Amino acid sequence: MSSRCESLSDAQWERIEPLLPSNVGRQGRPFCNNRQVVEAIIYRYRTGIPWRDLPSEVFGPWQTVWKRHRRYAEDGTWDIVLAEVLADADAAGK
């Protein structure tokens, strides 16, 4: 890991990235870097800071991070990611 703001290893990211929705077929602006947004969400929960205090120079606008987190919570994305990670851990005996 190259930064205190990064939490996911490349292997972890490769596992969850396909589980995240894409913006293919959606109207509006294309999604910015998904990994950056997920890292921002992890950072925010790890540090306990308010959304508005996310370092914008590292993660971009806090509003983008907050909206994506809310969207993933509402559409069940986080539930899918958790289920897959738990299934992997169970299969590995962890």
PDB file of N, CA and C in Angstrom:
ATOM      1  N   MET A   1       0.842  -1.171   0.000  1.00  0.00           N
ATOM      2  CA  MET A   1       0.000   0.000   0.000  1.00  0.00           C
ATOM      3  C   MET A   1       0.892   1.240   0.000  1.00  0.00           C
ATOM      4  N   SER A   2       0.516   2.164  -0.820  1.00  0.00           N
ATOM      5  CA  SER A   2       1.383   3.326  -0.985  1.00  0.00           C
ATOM      6  C   SER A   2       0.926   4.532  -0.178  1.00  0.00           C
ATOM      7  N   SER A   3      -0.207   4.437   0.474  1.00  0.00           N
ATOM      8  CA  SER A   3      -0.726   5.612   1.162  1.00  0.00           C
ATOM      9  C   SER A   3      -1.530   5.202   2.389  1.00  0.00           C
ATOM     10  N   ARG A   4      -1.565   6.083   3.351  1.00  0.00           N
ATOM     11  CA  ARG A   4      -2.390   5.815   4.535  1.00  0.00           C
ATOM     12  C   ARG A   4      -3.872   5.862   4.203  1.00  0.00           C
ATOM     13  N   CYS A   5      -4.200   6.373   3.021  1.00  0.00           N
ATOM     14  CA  CYS A   5      -5.605   6.486   2.609  1.00  0.00           C
ATOM     15  C   CYS A   5      -6.072   5.272   1.814  1.00  0.00           C
ATOM     16  N   GLU A   6      -5.167   4.334   1.544  1.00  0.00           N
ATOM     17  CA  GLU A   6      -5.540   3.128   0.814  1.00  0.00           C
ATOM     18  C   GLU A   6      -5.705   1.980   1.796  1.00  0.00           C
ATOM     19  N   SER A   7      -6.797   1.260   1.667  1.00  0.00           N
ATOM     20  CA  SER A   7      -7.070   0.151   2.578  1.00  0.00           C
ATOM     21  C   SER A   7      -7.095  -1.189   1.865  1.00  0.00           C
ATOM     22  N   LEU A   8      -7.472  -1.196   0.606  1.00  0.00           N
ATOM     23  CA  LEU A   8      -7.642  -2.440  -0.138  1.00  0.00           C
ATOM     24  C   LEU A   8      -6.366  -2.829  -0.874  1.00  0.00           C
ATOM     25  N   SER A   9      -6.015  -4.100  -0.791  1.00  0.00           N
ATOM     26  CA  SER A   9      -4.919  -4.610  -1.612  1.00  0.00           C
ATOM     27  C   SER A   9      -5.444  -4.762  -3.040  1.00  0.00           C
ATOM     28  N   ASP A  10      -4.548  -4.930  -3.974  1.00  0.00           N
ATOM     29  CA  ASP A  10      -4.980  -5.144  -5.360  1.00  0.00           C
ATOM     30  C   ASP A  10      -5.828  -6.406  -5.480  1.00  0.00           C
ATOM     31  N   ALA A  11      -5.467  -7.449  -4.747  1.00  0.00           N
ATOM     32  CA  ALA A  11      -6.236  -8.704  -4.788  1.00  0.00           C
ATOM     33  C   ALA A  11      -7.648  -8.500  -4.233  1.00  0.00           C
ATOM     34  N   GLN A  12      -7.760  -7.746  -3.146  1.00  0.00           N
ATOM     35  CA  GLN A  12      -9.085  -7.469  -2.579  1.00  0.00           C
ATOM     36  C   GLN A  12      -9.926  -6.668  -3.562  1.00  0.00           C
ATOM     37  N   TRP A  13      -9.318  -5.677  -4.183  1.00  0.00           N
ATOM     38  CA  TRP A  13     -10.046  -4.856  -5.137  1.00  0.00           C
ATOM     39  C   TRP A  13     -10.496  -5.689  -6.332  1.00  0.00           C
ATOM     40  N   GLU A  14      -9.634  -6.554  -6.836  1.00  0.00           N
ATOM     41  CA  GLU A  14     -10.002  -7.408  -7.975  1.00  0.00           C
ATOM     42  C   GLU A  14     -11.178  -8.315  -7.628  1.00  0.00           C
ATOM     43  N   ARG A  15     -11.310  -8.676  -6.359  1.00  0.00           N
ATOM     44  CA  ARG A  15     -12.419  -9.539  -5.933  1.00  0.00           C
ATOM     45  C   ARG A  15     -13.745  -8.789  -5.884  1.00  0.00           C
ATOM     46  N   ILE A  16     -13.729  -7.534  -5.391  1.00  0.00           N
ATOM     47  CA  ILE A  16     -15.013  -6.842  -5.233  1.00  0.00           C
ATOM     48  C   ILE A  16     -15.385  -5.969  -6.428  1.00  0.00           C
ATOM     49  N   GLU A  17     -14.426  -5.555  -7.221  1.00  0.00           N
ATOM     50  CA  GLU A  17     -14.720  -4.635  -8.318  1.00  0.00           C
ATOM     51  C   GLU A  17     -15.801  -5.145  -9.275  1.00  0.00           C
ATOM     52  N   PRO A  18     -15.782  -6.443  -9.661  1.00  0.00           N
ATOM     53  CA  PRO A  18     -16.843  -6.914 -10.563  1.00  0.00           C
ATOM     54  C   PRO A  18     -18.238  -6.929  -9.933  1.00  0.00           C
ATOM     55  N   LEU A  19     -18.308  -6.831  -8.611  1.00  0.00           N
ATOM     56  CA  LEU A  19     -19.598  -6.850  -7.918  1.00  0.00           C
ATOM     57  C   LEU A  19     -20.261  -5.473  -7.874  1.00  0.00           C
ATOM     58  N   LEU A  20     -19.500  -4.444  -8.210  1.00  0.00           N
ATOM     59  CA  LEU A  20     -20.026  -3.079  -8.163  1.00  0.00           C
ATOM     60  C   LEU A  20     -20.737  -2.734  -9.466  1.00  0.00           C
ATOM     61  N   PRO A  21     -21.810  -1.965  -9.379  1.00  0.00           N
ATOM     62  CA  PRO A  21     -22.522  -1.568 -10.590  1.00  0.00           C
ATOM     63  C   PRO A  21     -21.639  -0.697 -11.486  1.00  0.00           C
ATOM     64  N   SER A  22     -21.877  -0.784 -12.768  1.00  0.00           N
ATOM     65  CA  SER A  22     -21.173   0.105 -13.691  1.00  0.00           C
ATOM     66  C   SER A  22     -22.158   1.162 -14.173  1.00  0.00           C
ATOM     67  N   ASN A  23     -21.652   2.119 -14.894  1.00  0.00           N
ATOM     68  CA  ASN A  23     -22.534   3.161 -15.405  1.00  0.00           C
ATOM     69  C   ASN A  23     -22.917   2.904 -16.864  1.00  0.00           C
ATOM     70  N   VAL A  24     -22.615   1.723 -17.373  1.00  0.00           N
ATOM     71  CA  VAL A  24     -22.984   1.384 -18.740  1.00  0.00           C
ATOM     72  C   VAL A  24     -24.504   1.429 -18.871  1.00  0.00           C
ATOM     73  N   GLY A  25     -24.972   2.185 -19.822  1.00  0.00           N
ATOM     74  CA  GLY A  25     -26.409   2.308 -20.057  1.00  0.00           C
ATOM     75  C   GLY A  25     -27.099   3.347 -19.195  1.00  0.00           C
ATOM     76  N   ARG A  26     -26.379   3.998 -18.328  1.00  0.00           N
ATOM     77  CA  ARG A  26     -26.967   5.037 -17.477  1.00  0.00           C
ATOM     78  C   ARG A  26     -26.778   6.391 -18.127  1.00  0.00           C
ATOM     79  N   GLN A  27     -27.733   7.247 -17.927  1.00  0.00           N
ATOM     80  CA  GLN A  27     -27.594   8.613 -18.406  1.00  0.00           C
ATOM     81  C   GLN A  27     -26.801   9.415 -17.385  1.00  0.00           C
ATOM     82  N   GLY A  28     -26.242  10.498 -17.827  1.00  0.00           N
ATOM     83  CA  GLY A  28     -25.517  11.380 -16.921  1.00  0.00           C
ATOM     84  C   GLY A  28     -24.023  11.175 -17.015  1.00  0.00           C
ATOM     85  N   ARG A  29     -23.342  11.729 -16.054  1.00  0.00           N
ATOM     86  CA  ARG A  29     -21.885  11.674 -16.045  1.00  0.00           C
ATOM     87  C   ARG A  29     -21.409  10.252 -15.762  1.00  0.00           C
ATOM     88  N   PRO A  30     -20.334   9.848 -16.411  1.00  0.00           N
ATOM     89  CA  PRO A  30     -19.796   8.515 -16.109  1.00  0.00           C
ATOM     90  C   PRO A  30     -19.225   8.470 -14.695  1.00  0.00           C
ATOM     91  N   PHE A  31     -19.246   7.289 -14.100  1.00  0.00           N
ATOM     92  CA  PHE A  31     -18.683   7.121 -12.768  1.00  0.00           C
ATOM     93  C   PHE A  31     -17.209   7.472 -12.795  1.00  0.00           C
ATOM     94  N   CYS A  32     -16.776   8.138 -11.768  1.00  0.00           N
ATOM     95  CA  CYS A  32     -15.339   8.368 -11.622  1.00  0.00           C
ATOM     96  C   CYS A  32     -14.715   7.073 -11.105  1.00  0.00           C
ATOM     97  N   ASN A  33     -13.494   7.097 -10.781  1.00  0.00           N
ATOM     98  CA  ASN A  33     -12.738   5.941 -10.335  1.00  0.00           C
ATOM     99  C   ASN A  33     -13.451   5.223  -9.184  1.00  0.00           C
ATOM    100  N   ASN A  34     -13.984   4.034  -9.465  1.00  0.00           N
ATOM    101  CA  ASN A  34     -14.705   3.268  -8.444  1.00  0.00           C
ATOM    102  C   ASN A  34     -13.826   2.940  -7.247  1.00  0.00           C
ATOM    103  N   ARG A  35     -12.570   2.581  -7.504  1.00  0.00           N
ATOM    104  CA  ARG A  35     -11.696   2.224  -6.389  1.00  0.00           C
ATOM    105  C   ARG A  35     -11.479   3.422  -5.480  1.00  0.00           C
ATOM    106  N   GLN A  36     -11.298   4.584  -6.052  1.00  0.00           N
ATOM    107  CA  GLN A  36     -11.100   5.791  -5.263  1.00  0.00           C
ATOM    108  C   GLN A  36     -12.307   6.044  -4.360  1.00  0.00           C
ATOM    109  N   VAL A  37     -13.496   5.836  -4.891  1.00  0.00           N
ATOM    110  CA  VAL A  37     -14.715   6.063  -4.110  1.00  0.00           C
ATOM    111  C   VAL A  37     -14.835   5.038  -2.988  1.00  0.00           C
ATOM    112  N   VAL A  38     -14.581   3.772  -3.290  1.00  0.00           N
ATOM    113  CA  VAL A  38     -14.668   2.736  -2.253  1.00  0.00           C
ATOM    114  C   VAL A  38     -13.608   2.967  -1.177  1.00  0.00           C
ATOM    115  N   GLU A  39     -12.400   3.334  -1.592  1.00  0.00           N
ATOM    116  CA  GLU A  39     -11.349   3.652  -0.612  1.00  0.00           C
ATOM    117  C   GLU A  39     -11.781   4.828   0.269  1.00  0.00           C
ATOM    118  N   ALA A  40     -12.445   5.812  -0.313  1.00  0.00           N
ATOM    119  CA  ALA A  40     -12.920   6.962   0.455  1.00  0.00           C
ATOM    120  C   ALA A  40     -13.962   6.542   1.482  1.00  0.00           C
ATOM    121  N   ILE A  41     -14.854   5.652   1.091  1.00  0.00           N
ATOM    122  CA  ILE A  41     -15.887   5.167   2.014  1.00  0.00           C
ATOM    123  C   ILE A  41     -15.237   4.411   3.169  1.00  0.00           C
ATOM    124  N   ILE A  42     -14.280   3.559   2.860  1.00  0.00           N
ATOM    125  CA  ILE A  42     -13.564   2.822   3.903  1.00  0.00           C
ATOM    126  C   ILE A  42     -12.837   3.792   4.830  1.00  0.00           C
ATOM    127  N   TYR A  43     -12.162   4.761   4.245  1.00  0.00           N
ATOM    128  CA  TYR A  43     -11.415   5.752   5.023  1.00  0.00           C
ATOM    129  C   TYR A  43     -12.344   6.505   5.969  1.00  0.00           C
ATOM    130  N   ARG A  44     -13.485   6.903   5.451  1.00  0.00           N
ATOM    131  CA  ARG A  44     -14.436   7.665   6.270  1.00  0.00           C
ATOM    132  C   ARG A  44     -14.912   6.840   7.473  1.00  0.00           C
ATOM    133  N   TYR A  45     -15.235   5.579   7.248  1.00  0.00           N
ATOM    134  CA  TYR A  45     -15.693   4.740   8.358  1.00  0.00           C
ATOM    135  C   TYR A  45     -14.558   4.397   9.308  1.00  0.00           C
ATOM    136  N   ARG A  46     -13.361   4.192   8.774  1.00  0.00           N
ATOM    137  CA  ARG A  46     -12.211   3.864   9.614  1.00  0.00           C
ATOM    138  C   ARG A  46     -11.840   5.020  10.524  1.00  0.00           C
ATOM    139  N   THR A  47     -11.917   6.243  10.011  1.00  0.00           N
ATOM    140  CA  THR A  47     -11.512   7.405  10.803  1.00  0.00           C
ATOM    141  C   THR A  47     -12.650   8.021  11.604  1.00  0.00           C
ATOM    142  N   GLY A  48     -13.893   7.793  11.189  1.00  0.00           N
ATOM    143  CA  GLY A  48     -15.042   8.354  11.874  1.00  0.00           C
ATOM    144  C   GLY A  48     -15.288   9.823  11.572  1.00  0.00           C
ATOM    145  N   ILE A  49     -14.692  10.335  10.519  1.00  0.00           N
ATOM    146  CA  ILE A  49     -14.863  11.754  10.177  1.00  0.00           C
ATOM    147  C   ILE A  49     -16.188  11.977   9.462  1.00  0.00           C
ATOM    148  N   PRO A  50     -16.686  13.197   9.488  1.00  0.00           N
ATOM    149  CA  PRO A  50     -17.874  13.520   8.691  1.00  0.00           C
ATOM    150  C   PRO A  50     -17.556  13.419   7.195  1.00  0.00           C
ATOM    151  N   TRP A  51     -18.577  13.158   6.398  1.00  0.00           N
ATOM    152  CA  TRP A  51     -18.391  13.073   4.946  1.00  0.00           C
ATOM    153  C   TRP A  51     -17.681  14.315   4.411  1.00  0.00           C
ATOM    154  N   ARG A  52     -18.083  15.471   4.883  1.00  0.00           N
ATOM    155  CA  ARG A  52     -17.525  16.734   4.378  1.00  0.00           C
ATOM    156  C   ARG A  52     -16.034  16.894   4.654  1.00  0.00           C
ATOM    157  N   ASP A  53     -15.499  16.111   5.583  1.00  0.00           N
ATOM    158  CA  ASP A  53     -14.087  16.224   5.935  1.00  0.00           C
ATOM    159  C   ASP A  53     -13.190  15.241   5.189  1.00  0.00           C
ATOM    160  N   LEU A  54     -13.756  14.482   4.235  1.00  0.00           N
ATOM    161  CA  LEU A  54     -12.905  13.616   3.419  1.00  0.00           C
ATOM    162  C   LEU A  54     -11.893  14.469   2.669  1.00  0.00           C
ATOM    163  N   PRO A  55     -10.627  14.071   2.638  1.00  0.00           N
ATOM    164  CA  PRO A  55      -9.623  14.861   1.918  1.00  0.00           C
ATOM    165  C   PRO A  55      -9.913  14.870   0.412  1.00  0.00           C
ATOM    166  N   SER A  56     -10.356  15.992  -0.106  1.00  0.00           N
ATOM    167  CA  SER A  56     -10.751  16.069  -1.509  1.00  0.00           C
ATOM    168  C   SER A  56      -9.572  15.889  -2.453  1.00  0.00           C
ATOM    169  N   GLU A  57      -8.374  16.252  -1.999  1.00  0.00           N
ATOM    170  CA  GLU A  57      -7.205  16.088  -2.861  1.00  0.00           C
ATOM    171  C   GLU A  57      -6.864  14.613  -3.070  1.00  0.00           C
ATOM    172  N   VAL A  58      -7.357  13.754  -2.203  1.00  0.00           N
ATOM    173  CA  VAL A  58      -7.120  12.309  -2.319  1.00  0.00           C
ATOM    174  C   VAL A  58      -8.322  11.605  -2.937  1.00  0.00           C
ATOM    175  N   PHE A  59      -9.527  11.980  -2.493  1.00  0.00           N
ATOM    176  CA  PHE A  59     -10.721  11.229  -2.843  1.00  0.00           C
ATOM    177  C   PHE A  59     -11.693  11.958  -3.769  1.00  0.00           C
ATOM    178  N   GLY A  60     -11.453  13.188  -4.069  1.00  0.00           N
ATOM    179  CA  GLY A  60     -12.390  13.948  -4.883  1.00  0.00           C
ATOM    180  C   GLY A  60     -13.509  14.509  -4.024  1.00  0.00           C
ATOM    181  N   PRO A  61     -14.575  14.991  -4.671  1.00  0.00           N
ATOM    182  CA  PRO A  61     -15.662  15.625  -3.928  1.00  0.00           C
ATOM    183  C   PRO A  61     -16.356  14.654  -2.964  1.00  0.00           C
ATOM    184  N   TRP A  62     -16.561  15.111  -1.746  1.00  0.00           N
ATOM    185  CA  TRP A  62     -17.213  14.267  -0.755  1.00  0.00           C
ATOM    186  C   TRP A  62     -18.630  13.904  -1.177  1.00  0.00           C
ATOM    187  N   GLN A  63     -19.284  14.804  -1.932  1.00  0.00           N
ATOM    188  CA  GLN A  63     -20.654  14.543  -2.360  1.00  0.00           C
ATOM    189  C   GLN A  63     -20.730  13.307  -3.251  1.00  0.00           C
ATOM    190  N   THR A  64     -19.741  13.133  -4.110  1.00  0.00           N
ATOM    191  CA  THR A  64     -19.695  11.959  -4.989  1.00  0.00           C
ATOM    192  C   THR A  64     -19.586  10.694  -4.162  1.00  0.00           C
ATOM    193  N   VAL A  65     -18.719  10.713  -3.178  1.00  0.00           N
ATOM    194  CA  VAL A  65     -18.508   9.544  -2.321  1.00  0.00           C
ATOM    195  C   VAL A  65     -19.782   9.237  -1.545  1.00  0.00           C
ATOM    196  N   TRP A  66     -20.383  10.251  -0.970  1.00  0.00           N
ATOM    197  CA  TRP A  66     -21.605  10.058  -0.181  1.00  0.00           C
ATOM    198  C   TRP A  66     -22.738   9.516  -1.047  1.00  0.00           C
ATOM    199  N   LYS A  67     -22.917  10.089  -2.235  1.00  0.00           N
ATOM    200  CA  LYS A  67     -24.003   9.639  -3.121  1.00  0.00           C
ATOM    201  C   LYS A  67     -23.806   8.186  -3.548  1.00  0.00           C
ATOM    202  N   ARG A  68     -22.575   7.834  -3.879  1.00  0.00           N
ATOM    203  CA  ARG A  68     -22.315   6.455  -4.303  1.00  0.00           C
ATOM    204  C   ARG A  68     -22.540   5.491  -3.149  1.00  0.00           C
ATOM    205  N   HIS A  69     -22.101   5.849  -1.952  1.00  0.00           N
ATOM    206  CA  HIS A  69     -22.329   4.992  -0.786  1.00  0.00           C
ATOM    207  C   HIS A  69     -23.832   4.809  -0.549  1.00  0.00           C
ATOM    208  N   ARG A  70     -24.568   5.889  -0.621  1.00  0.00           N
ATOM    209  CA  ARG A  70     -26.022   5.811  -0.425  1.00  0.00           C
ATOM    210  C   ARG A  70     -26.674   4.937  -1.495  1.00  0.00           C
ATOM    211  N   ARG A  71     -26.244   5.118  -2.742  1.00  0.00           N
ATOM    212  CA  ARG A  71     -26.801   4.325  -3.835  1.00  0.00           C
ATOM    213  C   ARG A  71     -26.520   2.844  -3.626  1.00  0.00           C
ATOM    214  N   TYR A  72     -25.285   2.516  -3.251  1.00  0.00           N
ATOM    215  CA  TYR A  72     -24.923   1.116  -3.041  1.00  0.00           C
ATOM    216  C   TYR A  72     -25.667   0.517  -1.853  1.00  0.00           C
ATOM    217  N   ALA A  73     -25.939   1.311  -0.837  1.00  0.00           N
ATOM    218  CA  ALA A  73     -26.707   0.823   0.303  1.00  0.00           C
ATOM    219  C   ALA A  73     -28.154   0.561  -0.098  1.00  0.00           C
ATOM    220  N   GLU A  74     -28.726   1.467  -0.869  1.00  0.00           N
ATOM    221  CA  GLU A  74     -30.134   1.335  -1.266  1.00  0.00           C
ATOM    222  C   GLU A  74     -30.366   0.211  -2.260  1.00  0.00           C
ATOM    223  N   ASP A  75     -29.424   0.012  -3.195  1.00  0.00           N
ATOM    224  CA  ASP A  75     -29.660  -0.998  -4.239  1.00  0.00           C
ATOM    225  C   ASP A  75     -29.159  -2.391  -3.868  1.00  0.00           C
ATOM    226  N   GLY A  76     -28.598  -2.537  -2.669  1.00  0.00           N
ATOM    227  CA  GLY A  76     -28.161  -3.853  -2.202  1.00  0.00           C
ATOM    228  C   GLY A  76     -26.746  -4.229  -2.600  1.00  0.00           C
ATOM    229  N   THR A  77     -26.013  -3.317  -3.193  1.00  0.00           N
ATOM    230  CA  THR A  77     -24.641  -3.621  -3.606  1.00  0.00           C
ATOM    231  C   THR A  77     -23.783  -4.034  -2.419  1.00  0.00           C
ATOM    232  N   TRP A  78     -23.868  -3.292  -1.321  1.00  0.00           N
ATOM    233  CA  TRP A  78     -23.039  -3.645  -0.158  1.00  0.00           C
ATOM    234  C   TRP A  78     -23.410  -5.015   0.379  1.00  0.00           C
ATOM    235  N   ASP A  79     -24.693  -5.378   0.324  1.00  0.00           N
ATOM    236  CA  ASP A  79     -25.112  -6.705   0.775  1.00  0.00           C
ATOM    237  C   ASP A  79     -24.489  -7.799  -0.090  1.00  0.00           C
ATOM    238  N   ILE A  80     -24.438  -7.559  -1.392  1.00  0.00           N
ATOM    239  CA  ILE A  80     -23.841  -8.528  -2.318  1.00  0.00           C
ATOM    240  C   ILE A  80     -22.346  -8.668  -2.050  1.00  0.00           C
ATOM    241  N   VAL A  81     -21.668  -7.535  -1.882  1.00  0.00           N
ATOM    242  CA  VAL A  81     -20.230  -7.563  -1.613  1.00  0.00           C
ATOM    243  C   VAL A  81     -19.964  -8.318  -0.315  1.00  0.00           C
ATOM    244  N   LEU A  82     -20.700  -8.024   0.734  1.00  0.00           N
ATOM    245  CA  LEU A  82     -20.508  -8.698   2.011  1.00  0.00           C
ATOM    246  C   LEU A  82     -20.745 -10.203   1.876  1.00  0.00           C
ATOM    247  N   ALA A  83     -21.809 -10.599   1.198  1.00  0.00           N
ATOM    248  CA  ALA A  83     -22.112 -12.022   1.027  1.00  0.00           C
ATOM    249  C   ALA A  83     -20.978 -12.741   0.291  1.00  0.00           C
ATOM    250  N   GLU A  84     -20.436 -12.116  -0.736  1.00  0.00           N
ATOM    251  CA  GLU A  84     -19.345 -12.729  -1.500  1.00  0.00           C
ATOM    252  C   GLU A  84     -18.069 -12.829  -0.667  1.00  0.00           C
ATOM    253  N   VAL A  85     -17.745 -11.780   0.061  1.00  0.00           N
ATOM    254  CA  VAL A  85     -16.542 -11.796   0.893  1.00  0.00           C
ATOM    255  C   VAL A  85     -16.678 -12.849   1.991  1.00  0.00           C
ATOM    256  N   LEU A  86     -17.838 -12.942   2.609  1.00  0.00           N
ATOM    257  CA  LEU A  86     -18.063 -13.963   3.638  1.00  0.00           C
ATOM    258  C   LEU A  86     -17.998 -15.361   3.065  1.00  0.00           C
ATOM    259  N   ALA A  87     -18.559 -15.561   1.859  1.00  0.00           N
ATOM    260  CA  ALA A  87     -18.503 -16.872   1.217  1.00  0.00           C
ATOM    261  C   ALA A  87     -17.053 -17.260   0.922  1.00  0.00           C
ATOM    262  N   ASP A  88     -16.251 -16.316   0.458  1.00  0.00           N
ATOM    263  CA  ASP A  88     -14.837 -16.578   0.219  1.00  0.00           C
ATOM    264  C   ASP A  88     -14.119 -16.960   1.516  1.00  0.00           C
ATOM    265  N   ALA A  89     -14.406 -16.216   2.579  1.00  0.00           N
ATOM    266  CA  ALA A  89     -13.776 -16.503   3.873  1.00  0.00           C
ATOM    267  C   ALA A  89     -14.190 -17.884   4.394  1.00  0.00           C
ATOM    268  N   ASP A  90     -15.473 -18.212   4.259  1.00  0.00           N
ATOM    269  CA  ASP A  90     -15.943 -19.534   4.688  1.00  0.00           C
ATOM    270  C   ASP A  90     -15.254 -20.635   3.896  1.00  0.00           C
ATOM    271  N   ALA A  91     -15.147 -20.437   2.583  1.00  0.00           N
ATOM    272  CA  ALA A  91     -14.515 -21.453   1.734  1.00  0.00           C
ATOM    273  C   ALA A  91     -13.043 -21.636   2.087  1.00  0.00           C
ATOM    274  N   ALA A  92     -12.412 -20.576   2.550  1.00  0.00           N
ATOM    275  CA  ALA A  92     -10.998 -20.639   2.926  1.00  0.00           C
ATOM    276  C   ALA A  92     -10.823 -21.068   4.393  1.00  0.00           C
ATOM    277  N   GLY A  93     -11.916 -21.314   5.080  1.00  0.00           N
ATOM    278  CA  GLY A  93     -11.840 -21.727   6.478  1.00  0.00           C
ATOM    279  C   GLY A  93     -11.494 -20.612   7.434  1.00  0.00           C
ATOM    280  N   LYS A  94     -11.806 -19.391   7.043  1.00  0.00           N
ATOM    281  CA  LYS A  94     -11.488 -18.245   7.905  1.00  0.00           C
ATOM    282  C   LYS A  94     -12.739 -17.804   8.587  1.00  0.00           C
TER     283      LYS A  94
END
